[in-house]
Amino acid sequence: MSRRYAYRVTLTLVAESGDAIESSSEVAFTHHNHDDLARIVMLVRESSGLDADSSAAMAVGLKLLSQTMLEQKANPLFDGLRAPMREFITTLKARRR
């Protein structure tokens, strides 16, 4: 049996055009993934060559999108992304070796 992780993803606006804001807007949702995203972020931070925030944003965004694509295999919306996504993930994983 494979593991399935449940995450609460929250995006909070903390600044606009470099200025701190007084009232924040927030988007929150639940996401299920077959991977430990904290571990994935750590691995990408170590191997991507990006700064810590950029690598975390890229890793989380990539995992959210790729899991959605896996769950929506029949949805033609993702057809143009499948091959490039597979190639990108292969390239990213190769950087760890």
PDB file of N, CA and C in Angstrom:
ATOM      1  N   MET A   1       0.839  -1.182   0.000  1.00  0.00           N
ATOM      2  CA  MET A   1       0.000   0.000   0.000  1.00  0.00           C
ATOM      3  C   MET A   1       0.886   1.248   0.000  1.00  0.00           C
ATOM      4  N   SER A   2       0.617   2.144  -0.904  1.00  0.00           N
ATOM      5  CA  SER A   2       1.425   3.352  -0.971  1.00  0.00           C
ATOM      6  C   SER A   2       0.900   4.404   0.006  1.00  0.00           C
ATOM      7  N   ARG A   3       1.793   5.252   0.425  1.00  0.00           N
ATOM      8  CA  ARG A   3       1.425   6.325   1.340  1.00  0.00           C
ATOM      9  C   ARG A   3       0.686   7.413   0.592  1.00  0.00           C
ATOM     10  N   ARG A   4      -0.112   8.136   1.316  1.00  0.00           N
ATOM     11  CA  ARG A   4      -0.810   9.295   0.763  1.00  0.00           C
ATOM     12  C   ARG A   4      -0.785  10.376   1.836  1.00  0.00           C
ATOM     13  N   TYR A   5      -0.186  11.479   1.508  1.00  0.00           N
ATOM     14  CA  TYR A   5      -0.036  12.595   2.430  1.00  0.00           C
ATOM     15  C   TYR A   5      -1.122  13.633   2.150  1.00  0.00           C
ATOM     16  N   ALA A   6      -1.669  14.213   3.194  1.00  0.00           N
ATOM     17  CA  ALA A   6      -2.651  15.294   3.057  1.00  0.00           C
ATOM     18  C   ALA A   6      -2.001  16.587   3.536  1.00  0.00           C
ATOM     19  N   TYR A   7      -2.142  17.630   2.742  1.00  0.00           N
ATOM     20  CA  TYR A   7      -1.528  18.923   3.057  1.00  0.00           C
ATOM     21  C   TYR A   7      -2.585  20.009   3.079  1.00  0.00           C
ATOM     22  N   ARG A   8      -2.411  20.963   3.937  1.00  0.00           N
ATOM     23  CA  ARG A   8      -3.197  22.191   3.927  1.00  0.00           C
ATOM     24  C   ARG A   8      -2.278  23.242   3.320  1.00  0.00           C
ATOM     25  N   VAL A   9      -2.609  23.706   2.146  1.00  0.00           N
ATOM     26  CA  VAL A   9      -1.796  24.691   1.442  1.00  0.00           C
ATOM     27  C   VAL A   9      -2.446  26.058   1.653  1.00  0.00           C
ATOM     28  N   THR A  10      -1.647  27.008   2.136  1.00  0.00           N
ATOM     29  CA  THR A  10      -2.149  28.352   2.391  1.00  0.00           C
ATOM     30  C   THR A  10      -1.243  29.366   1.723  1.00  0.00           C
ATOM     31  N   LEU A  11      -1.838  30.267   0.977  1.00  0.00           N
ATOM     32  CA  LEU A  11      -1.117  31.339   0.312  1.00  0.00           C
ATOM     33  C   LEU A  11      -1.632  32.649   0.903  1.00  0.00           C
ATOM     34  N   THR A  12      -0.726  33.382   1.544  1.00  0.00           N
ATOM     35  CA  THR A  12      -1.099  34.623   2.214  1.00  0.00           C
ATOM     36  C   THR A  12      -0.337  35.787   1.607  1.00  0.00           C
ATOM     37  N   LEU A  13      -1.048  36.792   1.163  1.00  0.00           N
ATOM     38  CA  LEU A  13      -0.424  37.994   0.633  1.00  0.00           C
ATOM     39  C   LEU A  13       0.175  38.782   1.797  1.00  0.00           C
ATOM     40  N   VAL A  14       1.486  39.037   1.731  1.00  0.00           N
ATOM     41  CA  VAL A  14       2.157  39.782   2.813  1.00  0.00           C
ATOM     42  C   VAL A  14       2.666  41.137   2.365  1.00  0.00           C
ATOM     43  N   ALA A  15       2.776  41.346   1.060  1.00  0.00           N
ATOM     44  CA  ALA A  15       3.225  42.635   0.543  1.00  0.00           C
ATOM     45  C   ALA A  15       2.716  42.801  -0.871  1.00  0.00           C
ATOM     46  N   GLU A  16       2.535  44.065  -1.253  1.00  0.00           N
ATOM     47  CA  GLU A  16       2.120  44.385  -2.614  1.00  0.00           C
ATOM     48  C   GLU A  16       3.074  45.433  -3.153  1.00  0.00           C
ATOM     49  N   SER A  17       3.704  45.153  -4.271  1.00  0.00           N
ATOM     50  CA  SER A  17       4.689  46.063  -4.864  1.00  0.00           C
ATOM     51  C   SER A  17       5.771  46.460  -3.863  1.00  0.00           C
ATOM     52  N   GLY A  18       6.168  45.518  -3.017  1.00  0.00           N
ATOM     53  CA  GLY A  18       7.239  45.763  -2.052  1.00  0.00           C
ATOM     54  C   GLY A  18       6.790  46.413  -0.764  1.00  0.00           C
ATOM     55  N   ASP A  19       5.540  46.868  -0.702  1.00  0.00           N
ATOM     56  CA  ASP A  19       5.032  47.508   0.510  1.00  0.00           C
ATOM     57  C   ASP A  19       4.226  46.510   1.329  1.00  0.00           C
ATOM     58  N   ALA A  20       4.472  46.487   2.637  1.00  0.00           N
ATOM     59  CA  ALA A  20       3.679  45.628   3.515  1.00  0.00           C
ATOM     60  C   ALA A  20       2.220  46.075   3.454  1.00  0.00           C
ATOM     61  N   ILE A  21       1.334  45.118   3.603  1.00  0.00           N
ATOM     62  CA  ILE A  21      -0.087  45.451   3.559  1.00  0.00           C
ATOM     63  C   ILE A  21      -0.700  45.285   4.935  1.00  0.00           C
ATOM     64  N   GLU A  22      -1.766  46.027   5.193  1.00  0.00           N
ATOM     65  CA  GLU A  22      -2.400  45.960   6.509  1.00  0.00           C
ATOM     66  C   GLU A  22      -3.402  44.831   6.608  1.00  0.00           C
ATOM     67  N   SER A  23      -4.196  44.607   5.587  1.00  0.00           N
ATOM     68  CA  SER A  23      -5.147  43.497   5.619  1.00  0.00           C
ATOM     69  C   SER A  23      -4.707  42.474   4.584  1.00  0.00           C
ATOM     70  N   SER A  24      -4.651  41.240   4.995  1.00  0.00           N
ATOM     71  CA  SER A  24      -4.143  40.214   4.089  1.00  0.00           C
ATOM     72  C   SER A  24      -5.289  39.479   3.410  1.00  0.00           C
ATOM     73  N   SER A  25      -5.017  39.028   2.216  1.00  0.00           N
ATOM     74  CA  SER A  25      -5.947  38.128   1.537  1.00  0.00           C
ATOM     75  C   SER A  25      -5.293  36.749   1.546  1.00  0.00           C
ATOM     76  N   GLU A  26      -6.120  35.732   1.562  1.00  0.00           N
ATOM     77  CA  GLU A  26      -5.583  34.386   1.725  1.00  0.00           C
ATOM     78  C   GLU A  26      -6.386  33.400   0.893  1.00  0.00           C
ATOM     79  N   VAL A  27      -5.673  32.434   0.328  1.00  0.00           N
ATOM     80  CA  VAL A  27      -6.280  31.304  -0.367  1.00  0.00           C
ATOM     81  C   VAL A  27      -5.756  30.053   0.326  1.00  0.00           C
ATOM     82  N   ALA A  28      -6.659  29.149   0.681  1.00  0.00           N
ATOM     83  CA  ALA A  28      -6.244  27.915   1.343  1.00  0.00           C
ATOM     84  C   ALA A  28      -7.030  26.745   0.747  1.00  0.00           C
ATOM     85  N   PHE A  29      -6.361  25.597   0.639  1.00  0.00           N
ATOM     86  CA  PHE A  29      -7.014  24.403   0.126  1.00  0.00           C
ATOM     87  C   PHE A  29      -6.279  23.174   0.628  1.00  0.00           C
ATOM     88  N   THR A  30      -6.934  22.029   0.503  1.00  0.00           N
ATOM     89  CA  THR A  30      -6.332  20.756   0.883  1.00  0.00           C
ATOM     90  C   THR A  30      -5.847  20.060  -0.382  1.00  0.00           C
ATOM     91  N   HIS A  31      -4.669  19.468  -0.284  1.00  0.00           N
ATOM     92  CA  HIS A  31      -4.077  18.756  -1.419  1.00  0.00           C
ATOM     93  C   HIS A  31      -3.560  17.414  -0.915  1.00  0.00           C
ATOM     94  N   HIS A  32      -3.809  16.372  -1.678  1.00  0.00           N
ATOM     95  CA  HIS A  32      -3.275  15.044  -1.364  1.00  0.00           C
ATOM     96  C   HIS A  32      -2.175  14.721  -2.360  1.00  0.00           C
ATOM     97  N   ASN A  33      -1.108  14.120  -1.866  1.00  0.00           N
ATOM     98  CA  ASN A  33       0.019  13.793  -2.725  1.00  0.00           C
ATOM     99  C   ASN A  33       0.622  12.478  -2.264  1.00  0.00           C
ATOM    100  N   HIS A  34       1.207  11.755  -3.194  1.00  0.00           N
ATOM    101  CA  HIS A  34       1.840  10.477  -2.847  1.00  0.00           C
ATOM    102  C   HIS A  34       3.261  10.670  -2.327  1.00  0.00           C
ATOM    103  N   ASP A  35       3.763  11.902  -2.332  1.00  0.00           N
ATOM    104  CA  ASP A  35       5.126  12.184  -1.868  1.00  0.00           C
ATOM    105  C   ASP A  35       5.132  13.043  -0.607  1.00  0.00           C
ATOM    106  N   ASP A  36       6.212  12.928   0.141  1.00  0.00           N
ATOM    107  CA  ASP A  36       6.481  13.790   1.288  1.00  0.00           C
ATOM    108  C   ASP A  36       7.041  15.101   0.724  1.00  0.00           C
ATOM    109  N   LEU A  37       6.205  16.125   0.639  1.00  0.00           N
ATOM    110  CA  LEU A  37       6.610  17.364  -0.018  1.00  0.00           C
ATOM    111  C   LEU A  37       7.734  18.086   0.710  1.00  0.00           C
ATOM    112  N   ALA A  38       7.798  17.992   2.023  1.00  0.00           N
ATOM    113  CA  ALA A  38       8.899  18.628   2.759  1.00  0.00           C
ATOM    114  C   ALA A  38      10.231  18.006   2.349  1.00  0.00           C
ATOM    115  N   ARG A  39      10.249  16.707   2.170  1.00  0.00           N
ATOM    116  CA  ARG A  39      11.470  16.020   1.720  1.00  0.00           C
ATOM    117  C   ARG A  39      11.830  16.435   0.291  1.00  0.00           C
ATOM    118  N   ILE A  40      10.829  16.539  -0.562  1.00  0.00           N
ATOM    119  CA  ILE A  40      11.065  16.954  -1.944  1.00  0.00           C
ATOM    120  C   ILE A  40      11.652  18.366  -1.980  1.00  0.00           C
ATOM    121  N   VAL A  41      11.091  19.275  -1.178  1.00  0.00           N
ATOM    122  CA  VAL A  41      11.616  20.646  -1.122  1.00  0.00           C
ATOM    123  C   VAL A  41      13.080  20.627  -0.696  1.00  0.00           C
ATOM    124  N   MET A  42      13.413  19.842   0.313  1.00  0.00           N
ATOM    125  CA  MET A  42      14.799  19.749   0.780  1.00  0.00           C
ATOM    126  C   MET A  42      15.722  19.263  -0.342  1.00  0.00           C
ATOM    127  N   LEU A  43      15.302  18.225  -1.050  1.00  0.00           N
ATOM    128  CA  LEU A  43      16.122  17.681  -2.137  1.00  0.00           C
ATOM    129  C   LEU A  43      16.306  18.693  -3.267  1.00  0.00           C
ATOM    130  N   VAL A  44      15.247  19.405  -3.613  1.00  0.00           N
ATOM    131  CA  VAL A  44      15.336  20.401  -4.686  1.00  0.00           C
ATOM    132  C   VAL A  44      16.209  21.571  -4.246  1.00  0.00           C
ATOM    133  N   ARG A  45      16.112  21.966  -2.985  1.00  0.00           N
ATOM    134  CA  ARG A  45      16.978  23.046  -2.485  1.00  0.00           C
ATOM    135  C   ARG A  45      18.448  22.662  -2.591  1.00  0.00           C
ATOM    136  N   GLU A  46      18.751  21.391  -2.385  1.00  0.00           N
ATOM    137  CA  GLU A  46      20.136  20.926  -2.434  1.00  0.00           C
ATOM    138  C   GLU A  46      20.670  20.795  -3.859  1.00  0.00           C
ATOM    139  N   SER A  47      19.798  20.584  -4.829  1.00  0.00           N
ATOM    140  CA  SER A  47      20.298  20.220  -6.154  1.00  0.00           C
ATOM    141  C   SER A  47      19.916  21.154  -7.299  1.00  0.00           C
ATOM    142  N   SER A  48      19.003  22.080  -7.086  1.00  0.00           N
ATOM    143  CA  SER A  48      18.485  22.858  -8.218  1.00  0.00           C
ATOM    144  C   SER A  48      19.369  24.026  -8.627  1.00  0.00           C
ATOM    145  N   GLY A  49      20.190  24.528  -7.718  1.00  0.00           N
ATOM    146  CA  GLY A  49      20.970  25.710  -8.024  1.00  0.00           C
ATOM    147  C   GLY A  49      20.189  26.998  -7.822  1.00  0.00           C
ATOM    148  N   LEU A  50      18.960  26.884  -7.350  1.00  0.00           N
ATOM    149  CA  LEU A  50      18.123  28.050  -7.066  1.00  0.00           C
ATOM    150  C   LEU A  50      18.268  28.442  -5.601  1.00  0.00           C
ATOM    151  N   ASP A  51      17.885  29.680  -5.275  1.00  0.00           N
ATOM    152  CA  ASP A  51      17.899  30.077  -3.864  1.00  0.00           C
ATOM    153  C   ASP A  51      16.788  29.314  -3.122  1.00  0.00           C
ATOM    154  N   ALA A  52      16.804  29.374  -1.802  1.00  0.00           N
ATOM    155  CA  ALA A  52      15.905  28.557  -0.983  1.00  0.00           C
ATOM    156  C   ALA A  52      14.426  28.814  -1.285  1.00  0.00           C
ATOM    157  N   ASP A  53      14.028  30.083  -1.386  1.00  0.00           N
ATOM    158  CA  ASP A  53      12.621  30.385  -1.651  1.00  0.00           C
ATOM    159  C   ASP A  53      12.208  29.975  -3.062  1.00  0.00           C
ATOM    160  N   SER A  54      13.056  30.248  -4.037  1.00  0.00           N
ATOM    161  CA  SER A  54      12.730  29.890  -5.424  1.00  0.00           C
ATOM    162  C   SER A  54      12.645  28.379  -5.595  1.00  0.00           C
ATOM    163  N   SER A  55      13.563  27.656  -4.974  1.00  0.00           N
ATOM    164  CA  SER A  55      13.530  26.195  -5.118  1.00  0.00           C
ATOM    165  C   SER A  55      12.313  25.605  -4.410  1.00  0.00           C
ATOM    166  N   ALA A  56      11.923  26.164  -3.259  1.00  0.00           N
ATOM    167  CA  ALA A  56      10.731  25.680  -2.557  1.00  0.00           C
ATOM    168  C   ALA A  56       9.480  25.959  -3.382  1.00  0.00           C
ATOM    169  N   ALA A  57       9.378  27.173  -3.935  1.00  0.00           N
ATOM    170  CA  ALA A  57       8.216  27.526  -4.756  1.00  0.00           C
ATOM    171  C   ALA A  57       8.128  26.621  -5.983  1.00  0.00           C
ATOM    172  N   MET A  58       9.254  26.386  -6.633  1.00  0.00           N
ATOM    173  CA  MET A  58       9.261  25.538  -7.816  1.00  0.00           C
ATOM    174  C   MET A  58       8.886  24.100  -7.467  1.00  0.00           C
ATOM    175  N   ALA A  59       9.453  23.572  -6.393  1.00  0.00           N
ATOM    176  CA  ALA A  59       9.180  22.190  -6.008  1.00  0.00           C
ATOM    177  C   ALA A  59       7.716  21.997  -5.629  1.00  0.00           C
ATOM    178  N   VAL A  60       7.181  22.890  -4.822  1.00  0.00           N
ATOM    179  CA  VAL A  60       5.787  22.763  -4.393  1.00  0.00           C
ATOM    180  C   VAL A  60       4.850  22.942  -5.584  1.00  0.00           C
ATOM    181  N   GLY A  61       5.101  23.958  -6.407  1.00  0.00           N
ATOM    182  CA  GLY A  61       4.262  24.167  -7.584  1.00  0.00           C
ATOM    183  C   GLY A  61       4.295  22.983  -8.527  1.00  0.00           C
ATOM    184  N   LEU A  62       5.474  22.452  -8.752  1.00  0.00           N
ATOM    185  CA  LEU A  62       5.637  21.296  -9.627  1.00  0.00           C
ATOM    186  C   LEU A  62       4.892  20.082  -9.087  1.00  0.00           C
ATOM    187  N   LYS A  63       5.021  19.829  -7.787  1.00  0.00           N
ATOM    188  CA  LYS A  63       4.354  18.665  -7.187  1.00  0.00           C
ATOM    189  C   LYS A  63       2.835  18.830  -7.167  1.00  0.00           C
ATOM    190  N   LEU A  64       2.347  20.049  -6.915  1.00  0.00           N
ATOM    191  CA  LEU A  64       0.901  20.276  -6.943  1.00  0.00           C
ATOM    192  C   LEU A  64       0.353  20.023  -8.344  1.00  0.00           C
ATOM    193  N   LEU A  65       1.038  20.574  -9.355  1.00  0.00           N
ATOM    194  CA  LEU A  65       0.595  20.402 -10.729  1.00  0.00           C
ATOM    195  C   LEU A  65       0.714  18.953 -11.184  1.00  0.00           C
ATOM    196  N   SER A  66       1.837  18.318 -10.918  1.00  0.00           N
ATOM    197  CA  SER A  66       2.028  16.950 -11.412  1.00  0.00           C
ATOM    198  C   SER A  66       1.054  15.973 -10.762  1.00  0.00           C
ATOM    199  N   GLN A  67       0.739  16.157  -9.478  1.00  0.00           N
ATOM    200  CA  GLN A  67      -0.232  15.280  -8.821  1.00  0.00           C
ATOM    201  C   GLN A  67      -1.626  15.490  -9.413  1.00  0.00           C
ATOM    202  N   THR A  68      -1.976  16.742  -9.682  1.00  0.00           N
ATOM    203  CA  THR A  68      -3.267  17.028 -10.309  1.00  0.00           C
ATOM    204  C   THR A  68      -3.341  16.384 -11.686  1.00  0.00           C
ATOM    205  N   MET A  69      -2.256  16.459 -12.439  1.00  0.00           N
ATOM    206  CA  MET A  69      -2.219  15.830 -13.756  1.00  0.00           C
ATOM    207  C   MET A  69      -2.385  14.314 -13.653  1.00  0.00           C
ATOM    208  N   LEU A  70      -1.755  13.697 -12.652  1.00  0.00           N
ATOM    209  CA  LEU A  70      -1.908  12.251 -12.456  1.00  0.00           C
ATOM    210  C   LEU A  70      -3.353  11.882 -12.146  1.00  0.00           C
ATOM    211  N   GLU A  71      -3.994  12.700 -11.340  1.00  0.00           N
ATOM    212  CA  GLU A  71      -5.377  12.426 -10.950  1.00  0.00           C
ATOM    213  C   GLU A  71      -6.369  12.728 -12.071  1.00  0.00           C
ATOM    214  N   GLN A  72      -5.960  13.543 -13.032  1.00  0.00           N
ATOM    215  CA  GLN A  72      -6.844  13.965 -14.129  1.00  0.00           C
ATOM    216  C   GLN A  72      -6.335  13.438 -15.476  1.00  0.00           C
ATOM    217  N   LYS A  73      -5.973  12.179 -15.506  1.00  0.00           N
ATOM    218  CA  LYS A  73      -5.366  11.585 -16.710  1.00  0.00           C
ATOM    219  C   LYS A  73      -6.216  11.753 -17.969  1.00  0.00           C
ATOM    220  N   ALA A  74      -7.514  11.746 -17.834  1.00  0.00           N
ATOM    221  CA  ALA A  74      -8.390  11.836 -19.000  1.00  0.00           C
ATOM    222  C   ALA A  74      -8.684  13.275 -19.424  1.00  0.00           C
ATOM    223  N   ASN A  75      -8.258  14.242 -18.658  1.00  0.00           N
ATOM    224  CA  ASN A  75      -8.570  15.633 -18.962  1.00  0.00           C
ATOM    225  C   ASN A  75      -7.615  16.158 -20.037  1.00  0.00           C
ATOM    226  N   PRO A  76      -8.144  16.544 -21.197  1.00  0.00           N
ATOM    227  CA  PRO A  76      -7.289  17.012 -22.298  1.00  0.00           C
ATOM    228  C   PRO A  76      -6.593  18.347 -21.999  1.00  0.00           C
ATOM    229  N   LEU A  77      -7.001  19.036 -20.953  1.00  0.00           N
ATOM    230  CA  LEU A  77      -6.359  20.292 -20.581  1.00  0.00           C
ATOM    231  C   LEU A  77      -4.853  20.123 -20.413  1.00  0.00           C
ATOM    232  N   PHE A  78      -4.434  18.957 -19.933  1.00  0.00           N
ATOM    233  CA  PHE A  78      -3.028  18.719 -19.616  1.00  0.00           C
ATOM    234  C   PHE A  78      -2.244  18.033 -20.723  1.00  0.00           C
ATOM    235  N   ASP A  79      -2.880  17.714 -21.833  1.00  0.00           N
ATOM    236  CA  ASP A  79      -2.217  16.960 -22.897  1.00  0.00           C
ATOM    237  C   ASP A  79      -0.909  17.608 -23.373  1.00  0.00           C
ATOM    238  N   GLY A  80      -0.895  18.907 -23.549  1.00  0.00           N
ATOM    239  CA  GLY A  80       0.304  19.587 -24.026  1.00  0.00           C
ATOM    240  C   GLY A  80       1.426  19.667 -23.009  1.00  0.00           C
ATOM    241  N   LEU A  81       1.124  19.384 -21.750  1.00  0.00           N
ATOM    242  CA  LEU A  81       2.128  19.457 -20.687  1.00  0.00           C
ATOM    243  C   LEU A  81       2.771  18.117 -20.347  1.00  0.00           C
ATOM    244  N   ARG A  82       2.130  17.030 -20.709  1.00  0.00           N
ATOM    245  CA  ARG A  82       2.591  15.722 -20.229  1.00  0.00           C
ATOM    246  C   ARG A  82       4.040  15.407 -20.628  1.00  0.00           C
ATOM    247  N   ALA A  83       4.370  15.505 -21.887  1.00  0.00           N
ATOM    248  CA  ALA A  83       5.735  15.178 -22.335  1.00  0.00           C
ATOM    249  C   ALA A  83       6.766  16.177 -21.791  1.00  0.00           C
ATOM    250  N   PRO A  84       6.537  17.489 -21.889  1.00  0.00           N
ATOM    251  CA  PRO A  84       7.518  18.426 -21.331  1.00  0.00           C
ATOM    252  C   PRO A  84       7.669  18.281 -19.817  1.00  0.00           C
ATOM    253  N   MET A  85       6.585  17.980 -19.114  1.00  0.00           N
ATOM    254  CA  MET A  85       6.655  17.797 -17.667  1.00  0.00           C
ATOM    255  C   MET A  85       7.510  16.578 -17.330  1.00  0.00           C
ATOM    256  N   ARG A  86       7.304  15.504 -18.052  1.00  0.00           N
ATOM    257  CA  ARG A  86       8.096  14.283 -17.834  1.00  0.00           C
ATOM    258  C   ARG A  86       9.580  14.570 -18.067  1.00  0.00           C
ATOM    259  N   GLU A  87       9.886  15.303 -19.135  1.00  0.00           N
ATOM    260  CA  GLU A  87      11.274  15.651 -19.449  1.00  0.00           C
ATOM    261  C   GLU A  87      11.883  16.544 -18.357  1.00  0.00           C
ATOM    262  N   PHE A  88      11.131  17.533 -17.896  1.00  0.00           N
ATOM    263  CA  PHE A  88      11.624  18.437 -16.858  1.00  0.00           C
ATOM    264  C   PHE A  88      11.897  17.684 -15.561  1.00  0.00           C
ATOM    265  N   ILE A  89      10.978  16.829 -15.158  1.00  0.00           N
ATOM    266  CA  ILE A  89      11.151  16.064 -13.910  1.00  0.00           C
ATOM    267  C   ILE A  89      12.350  15.128 -14.028  1.00  0.00           C
ATOM    268  N   THR A  90      12.542  14.509 -15.183  1.00  0.00           N
ATOM    269  CA  THR A  90      13.702  13.641 -15.399  1.00  0.00           C
ATOM    270  C   THR A  90      14.998  14.438 -15.268  1.00  0.00           C
ATOM    271  N   THR A  91      15.030  15.625 -15.861  1.00  0.00           N
ATOM    272  CA  THR A  91      16.208  16.492 -15.772  1.00  0.00           C
ATOM    273  C   THR A  91      16.465  16.914 -14.329  1.00  0.00           C
ATOM    274  N   LEU A  92      15.417  17.291 -13.624  1.00  0.00           N
ATOM    275  CA  LEU A  92      15.550  17.706 -12.227  1.00  0.00           C
ATOM    276  C   LEU A  92      16.075  16.568 -11.353  1.00  0.00           C
ATOM    277  N   LYS A  93      15.532  15.376 -11.530  1.00  0.00           N
ATOM    278  CA  LYS A  93      15.991  14.233 -10.744  1.00  0.00           C
ATOM    279  C   LYS A  93      17.446  13.876 -11.051  1.00  0.00           C
ATOM    280  N   ALA A  94      17.861  14.049 -12.298  1.00  0.00           N
ATOM    281  CA  ALA A  94      19.239  13.734 -12.686  1.00  0.00           C
ATOM    282  C   ALA A  94      20.243  14.650 -11.989  1.00  0.00           C
ATOM    283  N   ARG A  95      19.838  15.850 -11.627  1.00  0.00           N
ATOM    284  CA  ARG A  95      20.748  16.783 -10.930  1.00  0.00           C
ATOM    285  C   ARG A  95      21.117  16.285  -9.538  1.00  0.00           C
ATOM    286  N   ARG A  96      20.307  15.423  -8.948  1.00  0.00           N
ATOM    287  CA  ARG A  96      20.590  14.888  -7.610  1.00  0.00           C
ATOM    288  C   ARG A  96      21.670  13.822  -7.645  1.00  0.00           C
ATOM    289  N   ARG A  97      21.893  13.223  -8.778  1.00  0.00           N
ATOM    290  CA  ARG A  97      22.832  12.098  -8.876  1.00  0.00           C
ATOM    291  C   ARG A  97      24.245  12.588  -8.998  1.00  0.00           C
TER     292      ARG A  97
END
